[in-house]
Amino acid sequence: IQYCRDKLPGKPGQALAERLRTGGAEPDETLAERLGMTKNTFLQNFTRARKFLMECLKKQGVDLEAELA
């Protein structure tokens, strides 16, 4: 997981890191403001980060469906 997180591009990586840092305890508006983004931009970058991680993990041989079941 860390290998794939390290490969995340800039803004998606920032959005994911901020969400993880706060453990979901702060609203998206606050996280977005802290990163200098609109809420919509923050959510788009967070979604890109999740997609990138999913693709990267699959390439590393991680069966996400089995792991999440």
C-alpha atoms as a PDB file:
ATOM      1  CA  ILE A   1       0.000   0.000   0.000  1.00  0.00           C
ATOM      2  CA  GLN A   2       2.779   2.405   0.909  1.00  0.00           C
ATOM      3  CA  TYR A   3       4.497   1.762  -2.441  1.00  0.00           C
ATOM      4  CA  CYS A   4       1.338   2.837  -4.266  1.00  0.00           C
ATOM      5  CA  ARG A   5       0.741   5.816  -1.960  1.00  0.00           C
ATOM      6  CA  ASP A   6       4.263   7.020  -2.673  1.00  0.00           C
ATOM      7  CA  LYS A   7       3.493   6.963  -6.402  1.00  0.00           C
ATOM      8  CA  LEU A   8       0.374   9.146  -6.153  1.00  0.00           C
ATOM      9  CA  PRO A   9       0.579  12.364  -8.157  1.00  0.00           C
ATOM     10  CA  GLY A  10       0.665  15.697  -6.270  1.00  0.00           C
ATOM     11  CA  LYS A  11      -2.856  16.960  -5.619  1.00  0.00           C
ATOM     12  CA  PRO A  12      -4.562  13.554  -5.398  1.00  0.00           C
ATOM     13  CA  GLY A  13      -1.827  12.500  -2.974  1.00  0.00           C
ATOM     14  CA  GLN A  14      -2.388  15.621  -0.886  1.00  0.00           C
ATOM     15  CA  ALA A  15      -6.146  15.052  -0.771  1.00  0.00           C
ATOM     16  CA  LEU A  16      -5.740  11.433   0.326  1.00  0.00           C
ATOM     17  CA  ALA A  17      -3.082  12.285   2.906  1.00  0.00           C
ATOM     18  CA  GLU A  18      -5.234  15.025   4.429  1.00  0.00           C
ATOM     19  CA  ARG A  19      -8.300  12.763   4.635  1.00  0.00           C
ATOM     20  CA  LEU A  20      -6.231  10.006   6.267  1.00  0.00           C
ATOM     21  CA  ARG A  21      -4.518  12.446   8.625  1.00  0.00           C
ATOM     22  CA  THR A  22      -7.834  13.618  10.012  1.00  0.00           C
ATOM     23  CA  GLY A  23      -9.405  10.154  10.043  1.00  0.00           C
ATOM     24  CA  GLY A  24     -12.548  11.521   8.435  1.00  0.00           C
ATOM     25  CA  ALA A  25     -13.215  13.679  11.496  1.00  0.00           C
ATOM     26  CA  GLU A  26     -13.273  16.983   9.604  1.00  0.00           C
ATOM     27  CA  PRO A  27     -15.697  18.051   6.877  1.00  0.00           C
ATOM     28  CA  ASP A  28     -14.523  18.035   3.268  1.00  0.00           C
ATOM     29  CA  GLU A  29     -14.948  21.815   3.111  1.00  0.00           C
ATOM     30  CA  THR A  30     -12.352  22.247   5.877  1.00  0.00           C
ATOM     31  CA  LEU A  31      -9.892  19.849   4.260  1.00  0.00           C
ATOM     32  CA  ALA A  32     -10.334  21.523   0.886  1.00  0.00           C
ATOM     33  CA  GLU A  33      -9.793  24.986   2.351  1.00  0.00           C
ATOM     34  CA  ARG A  34      -6.653  23.834   4.138  1.00  0.00           C
ATOM     35  CA  LEU A  35      -5.261  22.591   0.816  1.00  0.00           C
ATOM     36  CA  GLY A  36      -6.337  25.699  -1.090  1.00  0.00           C
ATOM     37  CA  MET A  37      -8.983  23.834  -3.107  1.00  0.00           C
ATOM     38  CA  THR A  38     -12.702  24.108  -3.563  1.00  0.00           C
ATOM     39  CA  LYS A  39     -14.742  21.270  -2.082  1.00  0.00           C
ATOM     40  CA  ASN A  40     -15.459  19.947  -5.576  1.00  0.00           C
ATOM     41  CA  THR A  41     -11.776  19.975  -6.551  1.00  0.00           C
ATOM     42  CA  PHE A  42     -10.852  18.241  -3.297  1.00  0.00           C
ATOM     43  CA  LEU A  43     -13.428  15.502  -3.914  1.00  0.00           C
ATOM     44  CA  GLN A  44     -12.261  15.053  -7.517  1.00  0.00           C
ATOM     45  CA  ASN A  45      -8.659  14.689  -6.349  1.00  0.00           C
ATOM     46  CA  PHE A  46      -9.659  12.280  -3.586  1.00  0.00           C
ATOM     47  CA  THR A  47     -11.566  10.157  -6.130  1.00  0.00           C
ATOM     48  CA  ARG A  48      -8.545  10.189  -8.458  1.00  0.00           C
ATOM     49  CA  ALA A  49      -6.342   9.046  -5.576  1.00  0.00           C
ATOM     50  CA  ARG A  50      -8.661   6.128  -4.776  1.00  0.00           C
ATOM     51  CA  LYS A  51      -8.787   5.079  -8.440  1.00  0.00           C
ATOM     52  CA  PHE A  52      -5.006   5.346  -8.782  1.00  0.00           C
ATOM     53  CA  LEU A  53      -4.472   3.271  -5.633  1.00  0.00           C
ATOM     54  CA  MET A  54      -6.906   0.618  -6.801  1.00  0.00           C
ATOM     55  CA  GLU A  55      -5.173   0.318 -10.175  1.00  0.00           C
ATOM     56  CA  CYS A  56      -1.710   0.313  -8.620  1.00  0.00           C
ATOM     57  CA  LEU A  57      -2.610  -2.361  -6.081  1.00  0.00           C
ATOM     58  CA  LYS A  58      -4.106  -4.550  -8.798  1.00  0.00           C
ATOM     59  CA  LYS A  59      -0.853  -4.227 -10.775  1.00  0.00           C
ATOM     60  CA  GLN A  60       0.996  -5.345  -7.639  1.00  0.00           C
ATOM     61  CA  GLY A  61      -1.120  -8.505  -7.532  1.00  0.00           C
ATOM     62  CA  VAL A  62      -3.488  -7.492  -4.732  1.00  0.00           C
ATOM     63  CA  ASP A  63      -6.958  -8.976  -5.191  1.00  0.00           C
ATOM     64  CA  LEU A  64      -9.043  -6.141  -3.768  1.00  0.00           C
ATOM     65  CA  GLU A  65     -12.334  -8.010  -3.969  1.00  0.00           C
ATOM     66  CA  ALA A  66     -10.931 -10.857  -1.889  1.00  0.00           C
ATOM     67  CA  GLU A  67      -9.291  -8.485   0.595  1.00  0.00           C
ATOM     68  CA  LEU A  68     -12.433  -6.423   1.096  1.00  0.00           C
ATOM     69  CA  ALA A  69     -14.834  -9.368   1.321  1.00  0.00           C
END
